[in-house]
C-alpha atoms as a PDB file:
ATOM      1  CA  MET A   1     -28.824 -61.052 -61.595  1.00  0.00           C
ATOM      2  CA  GLU A   2     -27.007 -60.410 -64.568  1.00  0.00           C
ATOM      3  CA  ASP A   3     -27.750 -56.825 -63.614  1.00  0.00           C
ATOM      4  CA  LEU A   4     -25.625 -57.042 -60.728  1.00  0.00           C
ATOM      5  CA  ASP A   5     -21.829 -55.608 -60.818  1.00  0.00           C
ATOM      6  CA  ILE A   6     -20.759 -57.834 -57.744  1.00  0.00           C
ATOM      7  CA  PHE A   7     -21.623 -60.928 -56.112  1.00  0.00           C
ATOM      8  CA  VAL A   8     -20.205 -61.042 -52.643  1.00  0.00           C
ATOM      9  CA  LEU A   9     -20.574 -64.417 -50.299  1.00  0.00           C
ATOM     10  CA  PRO A  10     -19.400 -63.932 -46.571  1.00  0.00           C
ATOM     11  CA  SER A  11     -19.804 -67.135 -45.519  1.00  0.00           C
ATOM     12  CA  PHE A  12     -18.216 -68.840 -42.643  1.00  0.00           C
ATOM     13  CA  SER A  13     -19.798 -72.182 -43.411  1.00  0.00           C
ATOM     14  CA  GLU A  14     -20.557 -73.615 -46.990  1.00  0.00           C
ATOM     15  CA  ALA A  15     -20.905 -76.564 -48.978  1.00  0.00           C
ATOM     16  CA  LEU A  16     -21.434 -75.960 -52.914  1.00  0.00           C
ATOM     17  CA  SER A  17     -23.513 -72.963 -52.915  1.00  0.00           C
ATOM     18  CA  ASN A  18     -26.776 -72.766 -55.695  1.00  0.00           C
ATOM     19  CA  SER A  19     -26.279 -69.113 -55.087  1.00  0.00           C
ATOM     20  CA  LEU A  20     -22.998 -68.713 -55.774  1.00  0.00           C
ATOM     21  CA  MET A  21     -23.453 -71.285 -58.649  1.00  0.00           C
ATOM     22  CA  GLU A  22     -26.026 -69.002 -60.035  1.00  0.00           C
ATOM     23  CA  ALA A  23     -23.968 -65.968 -59.796  1.00  0.00           C
ATOM     24  CA  MET A  24     -20.677 -67.417 -61.844  1.00  0.00           C
ATOM     25  CA  ALA A  25     -23.523 -68.339 -64.431  1.00  0.00           C
ATOM     26  CA  CYS A  26     -24.966 -65.216 -64.738  1.00  0.00           C
ATOM     27  CA  GLY A  27     -21.723 -63.729 -65.426  1.00  0.00           C
ATOM     28  CA  CYS A  28     -21.360 -61.755 -62.285  1.00  0.00           C
ATOM     29  CA  ALA A  29     -17.550 -61.122 -60.248  1.00  0.00           C
ATOM     30  CA  VAL A  30     -18.285 -63.210 -57.518  1.00  0.00           C
ATOM     31  CA  VAL A  31     -16.158 -62.411 -54.039  1.00  0.00           C
ATOM     32  CA  ALA A  32     -16.630 -65.444 -51.746  1.00  0.00           C
ATOM     33  CA  SER A  33     -14.779 -66.384 -48.205  1.00  0.00           C
ATOM     34  CA  ARG A  34     -12.338 -69.070 -48.828  1.00  0.00           C
ATOM     35  CA  ILE A  35     -14.378 -72.012 -47.147  1.00  0.00           C
ATOM     36  CA  GLY A  36     -15.649 -75.396 -48.588  1.00  0.00           C
ATOM     37  CA  GLY A  37     -17.244 -75.256 -51.852  1.00  0.00           C
ATOM     38  CA  ASN A  38     -16.423 -71.625 -52.456  1.00  0.00           C
ATOM     39  CA  VAL A  39     -13.024 -72.982 -53.040  1.00  0.00           C
ATOM     40  CA  GLU A  40     -13.901 -75.779 -55.435  1.00  0.00           C
ATOM     41  CA  LEU A  41     -16.332 -72.901 -57.285  1.00  0.00           C
ATOM     42  CA  THR A  42     -14.089 -70.570 -57.549  1.00  0.00           C
ATOM     43  CA  VAL A  43     -10.465 -70.237 -58.516  1.00  0.00           C
ATOM     44  CA  ALA A  44      -9.150 -67.778 -57.004  1.00  0.00           C
ATOM     45  CA  GLU A  45      -7.834 -64.802 -59.743  1.00  0.00           C
ATOM     46  CA  GLU A  46      -9.366 -66.851 -62.529  1.00  0.00           C
ATOM     47  CA  SER A  47     -13.016 -67.230 -61.854  1.00  0.00           C
ATOM     48  CA  GLY A  48     -13.693 -64.936 -58.736  1.00  0.00           C
ATOM     49  CA  LEU A  49     -12.150 -63.549 -55.501  1.00  0.00           C
ATOM     50  CA  LEU A  50     -11.695 -64.990 -52.062  1.00  0.00           C
ATOM     51  CA  PHE A  51     -11.494 -63.496 -48.766  1.00  0.00           C
ATOM     52  CA  GLU A  52     -10.631 -65.571 -45.368  1.00  0.00           C
ATOM     53  CA  PRO A  53     -14.146 -65.828 -43.893  1.00  0.00           C
ATOM     54  CA  GLY A  54     -14.259 -62.792 -41.059  1.00  0.00           C
ATOM     55  CA  ASN A  55     -11.343 -60.643 -42.085  1.00  0.00           C
ATOM     56  CA  ALA A  56     -13.419 -57.443 -43.149  1.00  0.00           C
ATOM     57  CA  THR A  57     -10.479 -56.304 -43.787  1.00  0.00           C
ATOM     58  CA  ASP A  58      -9.660 -58.653 -46.435  1.00  0.00           C
ATOM     59  CA  LEU A  59     -13.209 -58.765 -48.186  1.00  0.00           C
ATOM     60  CA  ALA A  60     -12.954 -54.767 -48.490  1.00  0.00           C
ATOM     61  CA  ILE A  61      -9.818 -54.820 -50.645  1.00  0.00           C
ATOM     62  CA  GLN A  62     -11.306 -57.890 -52.719  1.00  0.00           C
ATOM     63  CA  ILE A  63     -14.152 -55.679 -53.329  1.00  0.00           C
ATOM     64  CA  SER A  64     -12.303 -52.135 -54.234  1.00  0.00           C
ATOM     65  CA  ARG A  65     -10.242 -54.472 -56.760  1.00  0.00           C
ATOM     66  CA  ARG A  66     -12.886 -55.303 -58.748  1.00  0.00           C
ATOM     67  CA  LEU A  67     -14.611 -51.604 -58.226  1.00  0.00           C
ATOM     68  CA  GLU A  68     -11.616 -50.352 -59.703  1.00  0.00           C
ATOM     69  CA  ASN A  69     -10.633 -52.265 -62.209  1.00  0.00           C
ATOM     70  CA  PRO A  70     -13.501 -52.778 -64.872  1.00  0.00           C
ATOM     71  CA  ALA A  71     -10.874 -55.269 -66.841  1.00  0.00           C
ATOM     72  CA  LEU A  72     -10.411 -57.513 -63.873  1.00  0.00           C
ATOM     73  CA  ARG A  73     -14.251 -57.697 -62.941  1.00  0.00           C
ATOM     74  CA  MET A  74     -15.114 -58.344 -66.852  1.00  0.00           C
ATOM     75  CA  ARG A  75     -12.380 -61.136 -66.984  1.00  0.00           C
ATOM     76  CA  LEU A  76     -13.152 -62.498 -63.861  1.00  0.00           C
ATOM     77  CA  ALA A  77     -16.740 -62.962 -64.967  1.00  0.00           C
ATOM     78  CA  SER A  78     -16.579 -63.856 -68.278  1.00  0.00           C
ATOM     79  CA  ASN A  79     -14.178 -66.570 -67.043  1.00  0.00           C
ATOM     80  CA  ALA A  80     -16.582 -67.954 -64.066  1.00  0.00           C
ATOM     81  CA  ALA A  81     -19.616 -68.414 -66.523  1.00  0.00           C
ATOM     82  CA  ARG A  82     -17.525 -70.103 -68.692  1.00  0.00           C
ATOM     83  CA  ARG A  83     -16.223 -72.466 -65.338  1.00  0.00           C
ATOM     84  CA  ILE A  84     -19.937 -73.091 -64.495  1.00  0.00           C
ATOM     85  CA  ARG A  85     -20.931 -73.974 -68.329  1.00  0.00           C
ATOM     86  CA  GLN A  86     -17.952 -76.104 -68.321  1.00  0.00           C
ATOM     87  CA  GLU A  87     -18.009 -78.024 -65.062  1.00  0.00           C
ATOM     88  CA  TYR A  88     -21.111 -78.075 -63.622  1.00  0.00           C
ATOM     89  CA  PRO A  89     -23.454 -78.171 -66.747  1.00  0.00           C
ATOM     90  CA  LEU A  90     -27.116 -79.490 -66.576  1.00  0.00           C
ATOM     91  CA  GLN A  91     -27.079 -82.748 -67.768  1.00  0.00           C
ATOM     92  CA  ARG A  92     -24.068 -83.499 -65.186  1.00  0.00           C
ATOM     93  CA  ALA A  93     -25.702 -82.176 -61.865  1.00  0.00           C
ATOM     94  CA  THR A  94     -28.821 -84.376 -63.527  1.00  0.00           C
ATOM     95  CA  ALA A  95     -27.029 -87.436 -63.656  1.00  0.00           C
ATOM     96  CA  ARG A  96     -25.029 -87.377 -60.131  1.00  0.00           C
ATOM     97  CA  LEU A  97     -28.446 -86.604 -58.405  1.00  0.00           C
ATOM     98  CA  ALA A  98     -29.519 -89.588 -60.291  1.00  0.00           C
ATOM     99  CA  ALA A  99     -26.861 -91.612 -59.543  1.00  0.00           C
ATOM    100  CA  ILE A 100     -27.190 -90.619 -55.447  1.00  0.00           C
ATOM    101  CA  TYR A 101     -30.833 -91.925 -55.731  1.00  0.00           C
ATOM    102  CA  GLU A 102     -29.900 -94.956 -57.646  1.00  0.00           C
ATOM    103  CA  ALA A 103     -27.740 -95.705 -54.861  1.00  0.00           C
ATOM    104  CA  TYR A 104     -30.001 -95.009 -52.144  1.00  0.00           C
ATOM    105  CA  LEU A 105     -32.286 -97.340 -53.447  1.00  0.00           C
ATOM    106  CA  ALA A 106     -29.902 -99.961 -54.005  1.00  0.00           C
ATOM    107  CA  GLY A 107     -28.373-100.194 -51.175  1.00  0.00           C
ATOM    108  CA  PRO A 108     -29.151-101.802 -47.745  1.00  0.00           C
ATOM    109  CA  GLY A 109     -32.550-101.381 -46.664  1.00  0.00           C
ATOM    110  CA  GLY A 110     -32.982 -99.435 -49.906  1.00  0.00           C
ATOM    111  CA  LEU A 111     -36.606 -99.892 -51.644  1.00  0.00           C
ATOM    112  CA  ARG A 112     -34.388-102.313 -54.454  1.00  0.00           C
ATOM    113  CA  ALA A 113     -32.955-104.113 -52.107  1.00  0.00           C
ATOM    114  CA  GLY A 114     -36.468-105.944 -50.798  1.00  0.00           C
ATOM    115  CA  SER A 115     -37.436-103.493 -47.830  1.00  0.00           C
ATOM    116  CA  GLN A 116     -40.448-101.270 -47.253  1.00  0.00           C
ATOM    117  CA  LEU A 117     -39.737 -97.716 -46.680  1.00  0.00           C
ATOM    118  CA  ALA A 118     -39.879 -96.790 -43.239  1.00  0.00           C
ATOM    119  CA  LEU A 119     -41.502 -93.511 -42.679  1.00  0.00           C
ATOM    120  CA  PRO A 120     -41.302 -91.799 -39.090  1.00  0.00           C
ATOM    121  CA  PRO A 121     -44.108 -92.099 -36.874  1.00  0.00           C
ATOM    122  CA  ARG A 122     -46.235 -89.330 -36.855  1.00  0.00           C
ATOM    123  CA  ALA A 123     -45.298 -86.302 -34.453  1.00  0.00           C
ATOM    124  CA  PRO A 124     -48.429 -85.713 -31.521  1.00  0.00           C
ATOM    125  CA  PRO A 125     -50.449 -82.643 -32.175  1.00  0.00           C
ATOM    126  CA  VAL A 126     -48.951 -79.541 -29.863  1.00  0.00           C
ATOM    127  CA  SER A 127     -51.686 -78.060 -27.264  1.00  0.00           C
ATOM    128  CA  TRP A 128     -50.828 -74.368 -26.629  1.00  0.00           C
END
């Protein structure tokens, strides 16, 4: 990804996109639809450009801005990489995931609450 000038994520639905985070971490200039986690990850005009989902004209304008202004592209890409390093470091992501598992295991019906892990019944084989 480090060789990309622009990374475009034209989603209609998105949580925290791993591909967007990876592109930002690699220092790619990002253009993403203004939905879900994209808005949380990308600070508009600071670490990336956002466009309205489904609006091809808006998308084209944002891509053109990147292509026609190398200084803007470099500034936003640098800010994006810095944002990911500062706000989403691997240690913090690992700690968050561990906390989610701990809460699940300790909660009602969790393994630490004394219950047995209930696996779903095995599906019967399919015959064609």
